[in-house]
C-alpha cells in the first residue's frame, strides 16, 4: 500500500492535522514572564525544546503575537517550569485565552515564588525551573522567505532549580519525575514512565 502523501500548502485532507502528532510527544514550554508594567503571565507552549548544551539554550515558538512574546520583548527574561502529571490540570487552565494583564497563576490557583536572577516568578509546585535571559527572537518564515505569524524565542538558561528528591546519586531522575508531554490531536498528552524506558549506547 502506498504511503499517504500530502503537501501541507495544499492541505492535509484529514480530520486533524497530523504534523503535531508525528512530531511528538513534545516537552511542554510552561513559560512565566513579566511585562514592563509588572504584570505576570503564565502560558504553555507545545512547540518547545532544548537546543544547545554550552551555554544551555532552550526555546519556545509563539504562534501569533501572544502575551508571553510581548513580555519577553519588553523585559528580555522568562522562566520555564517543568510540567509533571500532578500539574497537568493547572497547566491546562493556563492555556485559556486571557486579556493582557490577567495573572494565570491566580486563574490556575498556583503559588508564585521569586526567581534568583530574573524578574519573572517561578511556579512553586514545579519540580524544575529554568531562569532564562532572552538570547534571540526570530520571526519564522517559509522556504520562499514569506514571514509566518510565529516567533521563536531562544533563551540562555542562567539559573536552574531542581527538587532534591529528583537527584539520585547526582543524576536527574527523568523517569521518576512524572514528566508530562504534549502528544497528538487536540487533547492528547503522555507521561514519561519507568516502564517506557529503553537504553541504547552510542557506538564508538
Protein backbone atom coordinates (compact mmCIF):
# COMPACT_ATOMS: atom_id res chain seq x y z
CA UNK A 1 0.00 0.00 0.00
CA UNK A 2 1.32 3.41 -0.95
CA UNK A 3 2.02 5.85 1.92
CA UNK A 4 -0.43 8.68 2.44
CA UNK A 5 1.07 11.79 0.85
CA UNK A 6 0.07 15.42 1.05
CA UNK A 7 1.59 18.84 0.50
CA UNK A 8 0.98 20.99 3.60
CA UNK A 9 0.44 24.11 1.49
CA UNK A 10 -2.49 22.35 -0.20
CA UNK A 11 -4.00 20.92 3.00
CA UNK A 12 -3.71 17.51 4.64
CA UNK A 13 -7.23 16.24 3.87
CA UNK A 14 -7.52 14.51 7.25
CA UNK A 15 -9.78 15.07 10.25
CA UNK A 16 -6.90 16.57 12.23
CA UNK A 17 -3.51 17.90 11.14
CA UNK A 18 -1.05 15.01 11.72
CA UNK A 19 2.04 17.24 11.99
CA UNK A 20 1.82 17.78 15.76
CA UNK A 21 1.05 14.11 16.37
CA UNK A 22 4.04 12.91 14.34
CA UNK A 23 6.48 15.31 15.98
CA UNK A 24 5.65 14.09 19.44
CA UNK A 25 5.33 13.64 22.25
CA UNK A 26 6.99 17.00 22.88
CA UNK A 27 8.15 18.75 26.06
CA UNK A 28 5.80 21.48 27.22
CA UNK A 29 7.11 25.04 27.36
CA UNK A 30 5.36 26.30 30.50
CA UNK A 31 6.65 29.84 30.44
CA UNK A 32 6.26 32.56 33.04
CA UNK A 33 7.04 36.15 32.09
CA UNK A 34 6.73 39.65 33.48
CA UNK A 35 5.88 42.75 31.45
CA UNK A 36 7.45 46.16 31.81
CA UNK A 37 4.30 47.22 33.70
CA UNK A 38 4.89 44.47 36.28
CA UNK A 39 2.04 42.21 35.14
CA UNK A 40 2.71 38.48 35.17
CA UNK A 41 1.81 35.89 32.54
CA UNK A 42 1.99 32.09 32.62
CA UNK A 43 1.31 30.08 29.46
CA UNK A 44 2.12 26.64 28.00
CA UNK A 45 3.68 26.23 24.56
CA UNK A 46 3.62 22.91 22.69
CA UNK A 47 6.47 23.97 20.39
CA UNK A 48 9.34 23.89 22.90
CA UNK A 49 12.69 22.18 23.26
CA UNK A 50 16.38 22.40 24.19
CA UNK A 51 18.83 23.48 21.50
CA UNK A 52 22.33 23.70 23.00
CA UNK A 53 24.47 22.41 25.87
CA UNK A 54 27.02 25.19 26.44
CA UNK A 55 25.62 27.70 27.01
CA UNK A 56 22.34 25.91 27.73
CA UNK A 57 19.75 27.26 25.28
CA UNK A 58 16.03 26.48 25.29
CA UNK A 59 13.32 27.89 23.07
CA UNK A 60 9.59 28.14 22.52
CA UNK A 61 7.62 29.23 19.48
CA UNK A 62 4.70 31.62 19.84
CA UNK A 63 2.11 31.10 17.10
CA UNK A 64 0.75 34.62 16.98
CA UNK A 65 1.98 37.63 18.95
CA UNK A 66 0.81 36.41 22.35
CA UNK A 67 1.29 37.95 25.79
CA UNK A 68 4.44 35.94 26.54
CA UNK A 69 6.07 37.29 23.38
CA UNK A 70 5.16 40.85 24.33
CA UNK A 71 6.69 40.40 27.78
CA UNK A 72 9.98 38.83 26.65
CA UNK A 73 10.38 41.59 24.09
CA UNK A 74 9.88 44.20 26.82
CA UNK A 75 12.00 42.67 29.58
CA UNK A 76 14.25 40.03 27.98
CA UNK A 77 13.58 37.36 30.60
CA UNK A 78 11.43 34.28 31.20
CA UNK A 79 11.21 31.16 33.35
CA UNK A 80 10.48 27.67 32.11
CA UNK A 81 8.59 25.49 34.59
CA UNK A 82 8.55 21.70 34.29
CA UNK A 83 5.07 20.22 33.85
CA UNK A 84 4.55 16.95 35.69
CA UNK A 85 1.46 14.76 35.89
CA UNK A 86 0.12 16.36 39.07
CA UNK A 87 0.38 19.83 37.49
CA UNK A 88 -1.32 18.84 34.24
CA UNK A 89 -4.74 20.25 35.09
CA UNK A 90 -3.27 23.55 36.30
CA UNK A 91 -1.12 23.81 33.20
CA UNK A 92 -4.20 23.28 31.05
CA UNK A 93 -6.00 26.08 32.91
CA UNK A 94 -3.22 28.49 31.98
CA UNK A 95 -3.79 27.78 28.27
CA UNK A 96 -7.13 29.63 28.35
CA UNK A 97 -7.17 32.86 26.33
CA UNK A 98 -6.95 35.82 28.70
CA UNK A 99 -6.56 39.55 28.29
CA UNK A 100 -3.17 41.12 28.80
CA UNK A 101 -2.55 41.73 32.49
CA UNK A 102 -4.62 38.76 33.70
CA UNK A 103 -2.49 36.66 36.06
CA UNK A 104 -2.77 32.99 35.06
CA UNK A 105 -1.10 31.96 38.33
CA UNK A 106 -4.26 33.22 40.04
CA UNK A 107 -6.59 31.65 37.45
CA UNK A 108 -4.99 28.23 37.96
CA UNK A 109 -4.57 28.52 41.74
CA UNK A 110 -0.77 28.34 41.56
CA UNK A 111 1.66 29.79 44.06
CA UNK A 112 4.44 32.06 42.80
CA UNK A 113 7.98 32.08 44.20
CA UNK A 114 10.65 34.65 43.34
CA UNK A 115 13.44 33.77 40.95
CA UNK A 116 17.04 34.47 41.90
CA UNK A 117 18.44 36.01 38.72
CA UNK A 118 15.42 37.16 36.69
CA UNK A 119 12.25 39.13 37.45
CA UNK A 120 9.52 36.65 36.34
CA UNK A 121 8.34 34.38 39.16
CA UNK A 122 8.58 30.61 39.20
CA UNK A 123 5.78 28.07 39.65
CA UNK A 124 6.35 26.97 43.25
CA UNK A 125 4.97 23.46 42.70
CA UNK A 126 7.11 22.76 39.62
CA UNK A 127 9.94 20.32 40.35
CA UNK A 128 12.30 22.09 37.94
CA UNK A 129 12.56 25.74 36.91
CA UNK A 130 14.95 27.28 34.38
CA UNK A 131 15.59 31.00 34.79
CA UNK A 132 16.35 32.40 31.32
CA UNK A 133 17.70 35.50 29.64
CA UNK A 134 16.50 36.04 26.07
CA UNK A 135 19.26 35.29 23.56
CA UNK A 136 17.29 35.89 20.37
CA UNK A 137 13.79 36.30 18.99
CA UNK A 138 13.37 35.12 15.41
CA UNK A 139 10.27 35.58 13.27
CA UNK A 140 9.86 32.33 11.36
CA UNK A 141 9.49 32.27 7.59
CA UNK A 142 8.78 29.82 4.79
CA UNK A 143 11.39 28.41 2.41
CA UNK A 144 10.31 31.13 -0.01
CA UNK A 145 11.01 33.81 2.58
CA UNK A 146 7.38 34.58 3.43
CA UNK A 147 7.14 35.65 7.08
CA UNK A 148 4.97 33.48 9.32
CA UNK A 149 2.90 34.74 12.23
CA UNK A 150 5.19 32.84 14.59
CA UNK A 151 8.21 33.83 16.64
CA UNK A 152 10.90 31.54 18.07
CA UNK A 153 12.12 32.81 21.45
CA UNK A 154 15.55 31.47 22.42
CA UNK A 155 16.77 31.86 25.97
CA UNK A 156 20.02 31.14 27.77
CA UNK A 157 19.41 29.22 30.99
CA UNK A 158 21.18 31.23 33.69
CA UNK A 159 19.73 29.53 36.77
CA UNK A 160 18.35 26.05 37.46
CA UNK A 161 16.17 24.90 40.37
CA UNK A 162 15.71 21.12 40.88
CA UNK A 163 13.67 19.38 43.59
CA UNK A 164 16.24 17.41 45.63
CA UNK A 165 14.23 14.18 45.54
CA UNK A 166 14.74 14.04 41.76
CA UNK A 167 18.53 13.89 42.07
CA UNK A 168 19.57 10.26 42.54
CA UNK A 169 23.33 9.90 43.08
CA UNK A 170 23.85 13.10 41.13
CA UNK A 171 21.67 12.04 38.19
CA UNK A 172 18.31 13.64 37.39
CA UNK A 173 15.53 11.04 37.69
CA UNK A 174 13.80 11.61 34.34
CA UNK A 175 11.64 8.51 34.68
CA UNK A 176 10.62 9.18 38.27
CA UNK A 177 9.64 12.82 37.82
CA UNK A 178 6.27 12.20 36.16
CA UNK A 179 7.12 14.49 33.25
CA UNK A 180 4.09 15.29 31.10
CA UNK A 181 4.48 15.68 27.32
CA UNK A 182 2.22 17.06 24.61
CA UNK A 183 1.11 14.37 22.16
CA UNK A 184 -1.11 14.33 19.08
CA UNK A 185 -4.58 15.60 18.41
CA UNK A 186 -6.45 18.34 20.23
CA UNK A 187 -6.20 16.81 23.71
CA UNK A 188 -3.58 14.04 23.95
CA UNK A 189 -0.73 14.00 26.46
CA UNK A 190 1.79 11.36 27.51
CA UNK A 191 3.71 10.74 30.72
CA UNK A 192 7.34 9.62 30.90
CA UNK A 193 7.19 6.41 32.92
CA UNK A 194 9.84 3.84 34.01
CA UNK A 195 8.19 1.02 32.02
CA UNK A 196 8.69 3.02 28.82
CA UNK A 197 12.45 3.29 29.26
CA UNK A 198 14.75 2.00 26.51
CA UNK A 199 18.56 2.19 26.78
CA UNK A 200 20.94 2.24 23.81
CA UNK A 201 24.65 3.07 23.94
CA UNK A 202 26.12 5.25 21.23
CA UNK A 203 28.65 3.42 19.05
CA UNK A 204 32.32 4.33 19.25
